Amino acid sequence: VSWTAGYSETTWEYVIQDSGTGVPTTSGTLTTTN
């Protein structure tokens, strides 16, 4: 997975789930890797 930072942030949260599950309702996993 890759992306472009929205501004200057270096930390992100992500959630992997079955397709069609929809917008997460809880926090994701923190990462600083891109």
PDB file of all heavy atoms in Angstrom:
ATOM      1  N   VAL A   1       0.853  -1.184   0.000  1.00  0.00           N
ATOM      2  CA  VAL A   1       0.000   0.000   0.000  1.00  0.00           C
ATOM      3  C   VAL A   1       0.890   1.235   0.000  1.00  0.00           C
ATOM      4  O   VAL A   1       1.865   1.314   0.757  1.00  0.00           O
ATOM      5  CB  VAL A   1      -0.926   0.021   1.236  1.00  0.00           C
ATOM      6  CG1 VAL A   1      -1.886   1.208   1.169  1.00  0.00           C
ATOM      7  CG2 VAL A   1      -1.689  -1.291   1.360  1.00  0.00           C
ATOM      8  N   SER A   2       0.565   2.214  -0.848  1.00  0.00           N
ATOM      9  CA  SER A   2       1.322   3.468  -0.869  1.00  0.00           C
ATOM     10  C   SER A   2       0.355   4.632  -0.997  1.00  0.00           C
ATOM     11  O   SER A   2      -0.787   4.461  -1.436  1.00  0.00           O
ATOM     12  CB  SER A   2       2.332   3.477  -2.020  1.00  0.00           C
ATOM     13  OG  SER A   2       1.665   3.401  -3.269  1.00  0.00           O
ATOM     14  N   TRP A   3       0.808   5.822  -0.638  1.00  0.00           N
ATOM     15  CA  TRP A   3      -0.025   7.015  -0.690  1.00  0.00           C
ATOM     16  C   TRP A   3       0.862   8.248  -0.641  1.00  0.00           C
ATOM     17  O   TRP A   3       2.065   8.163  -0.420  1.00  0.00           O
ATOM     18  CB  TRP A   3      -1.030   7.023   0.467  1.00  0.00           C
ATOM     19  CG  TRP A   3      -0.379   7.015   1.825  1.00  0.00           C
ATOM     20  CD1 TRP A   3      -0.002   8.085   2.589  1.00  0.00           C
ATOM     21  CD2 TRP A   3       0.002   5.847   2.583  1.00  0.00           C
ATOM     22  NE1 TRP A   3       0.567   7.678   3.765  1.00  0.00           N
ATOM     23  CE2 TRP A   3       0.588   6.308   3.791  1.00  0.00           C
ATOM     24  CE3 TRP A   3      -0.110   4.472   2.376  1.00  0.00           C
ATOM     25  CZ2 TRP A   3       1.054   5.437   4.765  1.00  0.00           C
ATOM     26  CZ3 TRP A   3       0.371   3.612   3.332  1.00  0.00           C
ATOM     27  CH2 TRP A   3       0.938   4.084   4.522  1.00  0.00           C
ATOM     28  N   THR A   4       0.244   9.392  -0.851  1.00  0.00           N
ATOM     29  CA  THR A   4       0.919  10.677  -0.727  1.00  0.00           C
ATOM     30  C   THR A   4       0.365  11.382   0.506  1.00  0.00           C
ATOM     31  O   THR A   4      -0.860  11.441   0.703  1.00  0.00           O
ATOM     32  CB  THR A   4       0.684  11.550  -1.977  1.00  0.00           C
ATOM     33  OG1 THR A   4       1.202  10.858  -3.123  1.00  0.00           O
ATOM     34  CG2 THR A   4       1.371  12.893  -1.844  1.00  0.00           C
ATOM     35  N   ALA A   5       1.254  11.908   1.334  1.00  0.00           N
ATOM     36  CA  ALA A   5       0.822  12.596   2.561  1.00  0.00           C
ATOM     37  C   ALA A   5      -0.092  13.762   2.221  1.00  0.00           C
ATOM     38  O   ALA A   5       0.109  14.461   1.217  1.00  0.00           O
ATOM     39  CB  ALA A   5       2.037  13.087   3.332  1.00  0.00           C
ATOM     40  N   GLY A   6      -1.095  13.980   3.057  1.00  0.00           N
ATOM     41  CA  GLY A   6      -2.010  15.084   2.832  1.00  0.00           C
ATOM     42  C   GLY A   6      -1.348  16.436   3.013  1.00  0.00           C
ATOM     43  O   GLY A   6      -1.680  17.408   2.333  1.00  0.00           O
ATOM     44  N   TYR A   7      -0.373  16.482   3.921  1.00  0.00           N
ATOM     45  CA  TYR A   7       0.400  17.731   4.123  1.00  0.00           C
ATOM     46  C   TYR A   7       1.805  17.352   4.554  1.00  0.00           C
ATOM     47  O   TYR A   7       2.605  16.912   3.751  1.00  0.00           O
ATOM     48  CB  TYR A   7      -0.306  18.641   5.138  1.00  0.00           C
ATOM     49  CG  TYR A   7       0.352  20.000   5.296  1.00  0.00           C
ATOM     50  CD1 TYR A   7       0.566  20.817   4.192  1.00  0.00           C
ATOM     51  CD2 TYR A   7       0.764  20.449   6.548  1.00  0.00           C
ATOM     52  CE1 TYR A   7       1.191  22.055   4.330  1.00  0.00           C
ATOM     53  CE2 TYR A   7       1.377  21.684   6.698  1.00  0.00           C
ATOM     54  CZ  TYR A   7       1.582  22.488   5.581  1.00  0.00           C
ATOM     55  OH  TYR A   7       2.194  23.709   5.721  1.00  0.00           O
ATOM     56  N   SER A   8       2.086  17.460   5.832  1.00  0.00           N
ATOM     57  CA  SER A   8       3.438  17.147   6.303  1.00  0.00           C
ATOM     58  C   SER A   8       3.433  16.060   7.374  1.00  0.00           C
ATOM     59  O   SER A   8       4.444  15.831   8.046  1.00  0.00           O
ATOM     60  CB  SER A   8       4.108  18.404   6.860  1.00  0.00           C
ATOM     61  OG  SER A   8       3.357  18.935   7.943  1.00  0.00           O
ATOM     62  N   GLU A   9       2.297  15.391   7.545  1.00  0.00           N
ATOM     63  CA  GLU A   9       2.211  14.377   8.592  1.00  0.00           C
ATOM     64  C   GLU A   9       3.125  13.183   8.273  1.00  0.00           C
ATOM     65  O   GLU A   9       3.426  12.897   7.107  1.00  0.00           O
ATOM     66  CB  GLU A   9       0.764  13.904   8.767  1.00  0.00           C
ATOM     67  CG  GLU A   9       0.262  12.863   7.765  1.00  0.00           C
ATOM     68  CD  GLU A   9      -0.180  13.459   6.432  1.00  0.00           C
ATOM     69  OE1 GLU A   9      -0.084  14.689   6.240  1.00  0.00           O
ATOM     70  OE2 GLU A   9      -0.639  12.678   5.570  1.00  0.00           O
ATOM     71  N   THR A  10       3.544  12.485   9.319  1.00  0.00           N
ATOM     72  CA  THR A  10       4.410  11.310   9.171  1.00  0.00           C
ATOM     73  C   THR A  10       3.821  10.081   9.854  1.00  0.00           C
ATOM     74  O   THR A  10       4.479   9.045   9.949  1.00  0.00           O
ATOM     75  CB  THR A  10       5.802  11.590   9.745  1.00  0.00           C
ATOM     76  OG1 THR A  10       5.685  11.973  11.127  1.00  0.00           O
ATOM     77  CG2 THR A  10       6.509  12.698   8.954  1.00  0.00           C
ATOM     78  N   THR A  11       2.608  10.205  10.340  1.00  0.00           N
ATOM     79  CA  THR A  11       1.937   9.088  11.012  1.00  0.00           C
ATOM     80  C   THR A  11       0.534   8.939  10.435  1.00  0.00           C
ATOM     81  O   THR A  11      -0.140   9.936  10.155  1.00  0.00           O
ATOM     82  CB  THR A  11       1.848   9.325  12.530  1.00  0.00           C
ATOM     83  OG1 THR A  11       3.171   9.548  13.050  1.00  0.00           O
ATOM     84  CG2 THR A  11       1.228   8.130  13.244  1.00  0.00           C
ATOM     85  N   TRP A  12       0.124   7.684  10.271  1.00  0.00           N
ATOM     86  CA  TRP A  12      -1.202   7.407   9.705  1.00  0.00           C
ATOM     87  C   TRP A  12      -1.839   6.246  10.464  1.00  0.00           C
ATOM     88  O   TRP A  12      -1.172   5.495  11.169  1.00  0.00           O
ATOM     89  CB  TRP A  12      -1.091   7.028   8.226  1.00  0.00           C
ATOM     90  CG  TRP A  12      -0.472   8.097   7.381  1.00  0.00           C
ATOM     91  CD1 TRP A  12      -1.111   9.096   6.704  1.00  0.00           C
ATOM     92  CD2 TRP A  12       0.921   8.278   7.116  1.00  0.00           C
ATOM     93  NE1 TRP A  12      -0.215   9.892   6.042  1.00  0.00           N
ATOM     94  CE2 TRP A  12       1.040   9.417   6.271  1.00  0.00           C
ATOM     95  CE3 TRP A  12       2.088   7.617   7.498  1.00  0.00           C
ATOM     96  CZ2 TRP A  12       2.275   9.882   5.818  1.00  0.00           C
ATOM     97  CZ3 TRP A  12       3.317   8.073   7.049  1.00  0.00           C
ATOM     98  CH2 TRP A  12       3.405   9.202   6.215  1.00  0.00           C
ATOM     99  N   GLU A  13      -3.152   6.133  10.313  1.00  0.00           N
ATOM    100  CA  GLU A  13      -3.897   4.971  10.801  1.00  0.00           C
ATOM    101  C   GLU A  13      -4.479   4.244   9.610  1.00  0.00           C
ATOM    102  O   GLU A  13      -4.927   4.874   8.648  1.00  0.00           O
ATOM    103  CB  GLU A  13      -5.060   5.400  11.709  1.00  0.00           C
ATOM    104  CG  GLU A  13      -4.680   5.802  13.099  1.00  0.00           C
ATOM    105  CD  GLU A  13      -5.923   6.056  13.956  1.00  0.00           C
ATOM    106  OE1 GLU A  13      -7.040   5.729  13.506  1.00  0.00           O
ATOM    107  OE2 GLU A  13      -5.774   6.580  15.067  1.00  0.00           O
ATOM    108  N   TYR A  14      -4.479   2.902   9.668  1.00  0.00           N
ATOM    109  CA  TYR A  14      -5.098   2.133   8.588  1.00  0.00           C
ATOM    110  C   TYR A  14      -5.926   0.984   9.151  1.00  0.00           C
ATOM    111  O   TYR A  14      -5.676   0.493  10.262  1.00  0.00           O
ATOM    112  CB  TYR A  14      -4.044   1.610   7.613  1.00  0.00           C
ATOM    113  CG  TYR A  14      -3.149   0.516   8.168  1.00  0.00           C
ATOM    114  CD1 TYR A  14      -3.484  -0.829   8.006  1.00  0.00           C
ATOM    115  CD2 TYR A  14      -1.970   0.822   8.844  1.00  0.00           C
ATOM    116  CE1 TYR A  14      -2.664  -1.829   8.504  1.00  0.00           C
ATOM    117  CE2 TYR A  14      -1.146  -0.167   9.347  1.00  0.00           C
ATOM    118  CZ  TYR A  14      -1.498  -1.499   9.171  1.00  0.00           C
ATOM    119  OH  TYR A  14      -0.692  -2.490   9.675  1.00  0.00           O
ATOM    120  N   VAL A  15      -6.913   0.588   8.355  1.00  0.00           N
ATOM    121  CA  VAL A  15      -7.773  -0.544   8.688  1.00  0.00           C
ATOM    122  C   VAL A  15      -7.901  -1.404   7.438  1.00  0.00           C
ATOM    123  O   VAL A  15      -8.230  -0.901   6.364  1.00  0.00           O
ATOM    124  CB  VAL A  15      -9.165  -0.088   9.159  1.00  0.00           C
ATOM    125  CG1 VAL A  15     -10.088  -1.287   9.353  1.00  0.00           C
ATOM    126  CG2 VAL A  15      -9.072   0.722  10.442  1.00  0.00           C
ATOM    127  N   ILE A  16      -7.628  -2.713   7.563  1.00  0.00           N
ATOM    128  CA  ILE A  16      -7.822  -3.676   6.480  1.00  0.00           C
ATOM    129  C   ILE A  16      -9.038  -4.518   6.838  1.00  0.00           C
ATOM    130  O   ILE A  16      -9.121  -5.071   7.934  1.00  0.00           O
ATOM    131  CB  ILE A  16      -6.590  -4.590   6.322  1.00  0.00           C
ATOM    132  CG1 ILE A  16      -5.343  -3.781   6.035  1.00  0.00           C
ATOM    133  CG2 ILE A  16      -6.833  -5.614   5.212  1.00  0.00           C
ATOM    134  CD1 ILE A  16      -5.374  -3.083   4.709  1.00  0.00           C
ATOM    135  N   GLN A  17      -9.985  -4.617   5.907  1.00  0.00           N
ATOM    136  CA  GLN A  17     -11.198  -5.382   6.191  1.00  0.00           C
ATOM    137  C   GLN A  17     -11.785  -5.907   4.885  1.00  0.00           C
ATOM    138  O   GLN A  17     -11.341  -5.543   3.798  1.00  0.00           O
ATOM    139  CB  GLN A  17     -12.212  -4.495   6.915  1.00  0.00           C
ATOM    140  CG  GLN A  17     -12.548  -3.220   6.167  1.00  0.00           C
ATOM    141  CD  GLN A  17     -13.270  -2.191   7.026  1.00  0.00           C
ATOM    142  OE1 GLN A  17     -13.299  -2.280   8.259  1.00  0.00           O
ATOM    143  NE2 GLN A  17     -13.874  -1.203   6.390  1.00  0.00           N
ATOM    144  N   ASP A  18     -12.784  -6.775   4.999  1.00  0.00           N
ATOM    145  CA  ASP A  18     -13.437  -7.315   3.813  1.00  0.00           C
ATOM    146  C   ASP A  18     -14.061  -6.192   3.005  1.00  0.00           C
ATOM    147  O   ASP A  18     -14.632  -5.240   3.567  1.00  0.00           O
ATOM    148  CB  ASP A  18     -14.521  -8.323   4.199  1.00  0.00           C
ATOM    149  CG  ASP A  18     -13.939  -9.609   4.773  1.00  0.00           C
ATOM    150  OD1 ASP A  18     -12.750  -9.883   4.511  1.00  0.00           O
ATOM    151  OD2 ASP A  18     -14.672 -10.331   5.472  1.00  0.00           O
ATOM    152  N   SER A  19     -13.959  -6.297   1.694  1.00  0.00           N
ATOM    153  CA  SER A  19     -14.523  -5.274   0.817  1.00  0.00           C
ATOM    154  C   SER A  19     -16.012  -5.112   1.067  1.00  0.00           C
ATOM    155  O   SER A  19     -16.737  -6.103   1.226  1.00  0.00           O
ATOM    156  CB  SER A  19     -14.280  -5.658  -0.645  1.00  0.00           C
ATOM    157  OG  SER A  19     -14.735  -4.652  -1.511  1.00  0.00           O
ATOM    158  N   GLY A  20     -16.462  -3.865   1.120  1.00  0.00           N
ATOM    159  CA  GLY A  20     -17.873  -3.583   1.347  1.00  0.00           C
ATOM    160  C   GLY A  20     -18.250  -3.388   2.794  1.00  0.00           C
ATOM    161  O   GLY A  20     -19.405  -3.102   3.104  1.00  0.00           O
ATOM    162  N   THR A  21     -17.288  -3.525   3.719  1.00  0.00           N
ATOM    163  CA  THR A  21     -17.586  -3.357   5.141  1.00  0.00           C
ATOM    164  C   THR A  21     -17.950  -1.912   5.456  1.00  0.00           C
ATOM    165  O   THR A  21     -18.838  -1.647   6.262  1.00  0.00           O
ATOM    166  CB  THR A  21     -16.387  -3.808   6.000  1.00  0.00           C
ATOM    167  OG1 THR A  21     -16.082  -5.180   5.703  1.00  0.00           O
ATOM    168  CG2 THR A  21     -16.695  -3.659   7.476  1.00  0.00           C
ATOM    169  N   GLY A  22     -17.255  -0.963   4.837  1.00  0.00           N
ATOM    170  CA  GLY A  22     -17.604   0.440   5.026  1.00  0.00           C
ATOM    171  C   GLY A  22     -16.670   1.184   5.955  1.00  0.00           C
ATOM    172  O   GLY A  22     -15.685   0.637   6.465  1.00  0.00           O
ATOM    173  N   VAL A  23     -16.976   2.445   6.183  1.00  0.00           N
ATOM    174  CA  VAL A  23     -16.111   3.329   6.974  1.00  0.00           C
ATOM    175  C   VAL A  23     -15.919   2.768   8.383  1.00  0.00           C
ATOM    176  O   VAL A  23     -16.897   2.422   9.057  1.00  0.00           O
ATOM    177  CB  VAL A  23     -16.715   4.749   7.052  1.00  0.00           C
ATOM    178  CG1 VAL A  23     -15.835   5.654   7.898  1.00  0.00           C
ATOM    179  CG2 VAL A  23     -16.900   5.323   5.651  1.00  0.00           C
ATOM    180  N   PRO A  24     -14.677   2.652   8.845  1.00  0.00           N
ATOM    181  CA  PRO A  24     -14.421   2.118  10.188  1.00  0.00           C
ATOM    182  C   PRO A  24     -15.073   2.980  11.266  1.00  0.00           C
ATOM    183  O   PRO A  24     -15.160   4.206  11.144  1.00  0.00           O
ATOM    184  CB  PRO A  24     -12.893   2.160  10.305  1.00  0.00           C
ATOM    185  CG  PRO A  24     -12.399   2.173   8.889  1.00  0.00           C
ATOM    186  CD  PRO A  24     -13.427   2.936   8.116  1.00  0.00           C
ATOM    187  N   THR A  25     -15.495   2.333  12.313  1.00  0.00           N
ATOM    188  CA  THR A  25     -16.105   3.037  13.447  1.00  0.00           C
ATOM    189  C   THR A  25     -15.171   3.068  14.652  1.00  0.00           C
ATOM    190  O   THR A  25     -15.517   3.614  15.696  1.00  0.00           O
ATOM    191  CB  THR A  25     -17.428   2.370  13.846  1.00  0.00           C
ATOM    192  OG1 THR A  25     -17.185   0.984  14.140  1.00  0.00           O
ATOM    193  CG2 THR A  25     -18.440   2.463  12.710  1.00  0.00           C
ATOM    194  N   THR A  26     -13.986   2.445  14.520  1.00  0.00           N
ATOM    195  CA  THR A  26     -12.996   2.449  15.595  1.00  0.00           C
ATOM    196  C   THR A  26     -11.654   2.905  15.022  1.00  0.00           C
ATOM    197  O   THR A  26     -11.505   3.077  13.812  1.00  0.00           O
ATOM    198  CB  THR A  26     -12.834   1.043  16.212  1.00  0.00           C
ATOM    199  OG1 THR A  26     -12.432   0.125  15.180  1.00  0.00           O
ATOM    200  CG2 THR A  26     -14.155   0.563  16.812  1.00  0.00           C
ATOM    201  N   SER A  27     -10.688   3.115  15.894  1.00  0.00           N
ATOM    202  CA  SER A  27      -9.355   3.523  15.467  1.00  0.00           C
ATOM    203  C   SER A  27      -8.682   2.400  14.685  1.00  0.00           C
ATOM    204  O   SER A  27      -9.000   1.212  14.860  1.00  0.00           O
ATOM    205  CB  SER A  27      -8.496   3.885  16.678  1.00  0.00           C
ATOM    206  OG  SER A  27      -9.052   4.987  17.373  1.00  0.00           O
ATOM    207  N   GLY A  28      -7.740   2.791  13.830  1.00  0.00           N
ATOM    208  CA  GLY A  28      -6.988   1.814  13.067  1.00  0.00           C
ATOM    209  C   GLY A  28      -5.633   1.532  13.687  1.00  0.00           C
ATOM    210  O   GLY A  28      -5.352   1.907  14.826  1.00  0.00           O
ATOM    211  N   THR A  29      -4.789   0.871  12.907  1.00  0.00           N
ATOM    212  CA  THR A  29      -3.423   0.556  13.323  1.00  0.00           C
ATOM    213  C   THR A  29      -2.504   1.707  12.924  1.00  0.00           C
ATOM    214  O   THR A  29      -2.545   2.176  11.784  1.00  0.00           O
ATOM    215  CB  THR A  29      -2.952  -0.743  12.649  1.00  0.00           C
ATOM    216  OG1 THR A  29      -3.842  -1.808  12.999  1.00  0.00           O
ATOM    217  CG2 THR A  29      -1.538  -1.096  13.071  1.00  0.00           C
ATOM    218  N   LEU A  30      -1.680   2.161  13.851  1.00  0.00           N
ATOM    219  CA  LEU A  30      -0.762   3.259  13.570  1.00  0.00           C
ATOM    220  C   LEU A  30       0.415   2.773  12.733  1.00  0.00           C
ATOM    221  O   LEU A  30       0.917   1.660  12.932  1.00  0.00           O
ATOM    222  CB  LEU A  30      -0.242   3.869  14.865  1.00  0.00           C
ATOM    223  CG  LEU A  30      -1.215   4.746  15.664  1.00  0.00           C
ATOM    224  CD1 LEU A  30      -0.578   5.151  16.985  1.00  0.00           C
ATOM    225  CD2 LEU A  30      -1.606   5.977  14.863  1.00  0.00           C
ATOM    226  N   THR A  31       0.878   3.594  11.801  1.00  0.00           N
ATOM    227  CA  THR A  31       2.081   3.297  11.033  1.00  0.00           C
ATOM    228  C   THR A  31       2.795   4.594  10.674  1.00  0.00           C
ATOM    229  O   THR A  31       2.165   5.643  10.529  1.00  0.00           O
ATOM    230  CB  THR A  31       1.741   2.512   9.746  1.00  0.00           C
ATOM    231  OG1 THR A  31       2.970   2.141   9.097  1.00  0.00           O
ATOM    232  CG2 THR A  31       0.901   3.344   8.787  1.00  0.00           C
ATOM    233  N   THR A  32       4.097   4.490  10.547  1.00  0.00           N
ATOM    234  CA  THR A  32       4.911   5.603  10.040  1.00  0.00           C
ATOM    235  C   THR A  32       5.605   5.175   8.744  1.00  0.00           C
ATOM    236  O   THR A  32       6.495   5.880   8.255  1.00  0.00           O
ATOM    237  CB  THR A  32       5.973   6.023  11.073  1.00  0.00           C
ATOM    238  OG1 THR A  32       6.793   4.888  11.402  1.00  0.00           O
ATOM    239  CG2 THR A  32       5.302   6.552  12.335  1.00  0.00           C
ATOM    240  N   THR A  33       5.203   4.014   8.203  1.00  0.00           N
ATOM    241  CA  THR A  33       5.845   3.432   7.035  1.00  0.00           C
ATOM    242  C   THR A  33       5.005   3.653   5.782  1.00  0.00           C
ATOM    243  O   THR A  33       3.818   3.320   5.759  1.00  0.00           O
ATOM    244  CB  THR A  33       6.065   1.918   7.234  1.00  0.00           C
ATOM    245  OG1 THR A  33       6.838   1.705   8.407  1.00  0.00           O
ATOM    246  CG2 THR A  33       6.775   1.305   6.043  1.00  0.00           C
ATOM    247  N   ASN A  34       5.611   4.199   4.768  1.00  0.00           N
ATOM    248  CA  ASN A  34       4.963   4.404   3.472  1.00  0.00           C
ATOM    249  C   ASN A  34       6.026   4.233   2.378  1.00  0.00           C
ATOM    250  O   ASN A  34       6.970   5.025   2.337  1.00  0.00           O
ATOM    251  CB  ASN A  34       4.352   5.804   3.398  1.00  0.00           C
ATOM    252  CG  ASN A  34       3.673   6.084   2.069  1.00  0.00           C
ATOM    253  OD1 ASN A  34       3.382   5.172   1.308  1.00  0.00           O
ATOM    254  ND2 ASN A  34       3.430   7.354   1.779  1.00  0.00           N
TER     255      ASN A  34
END
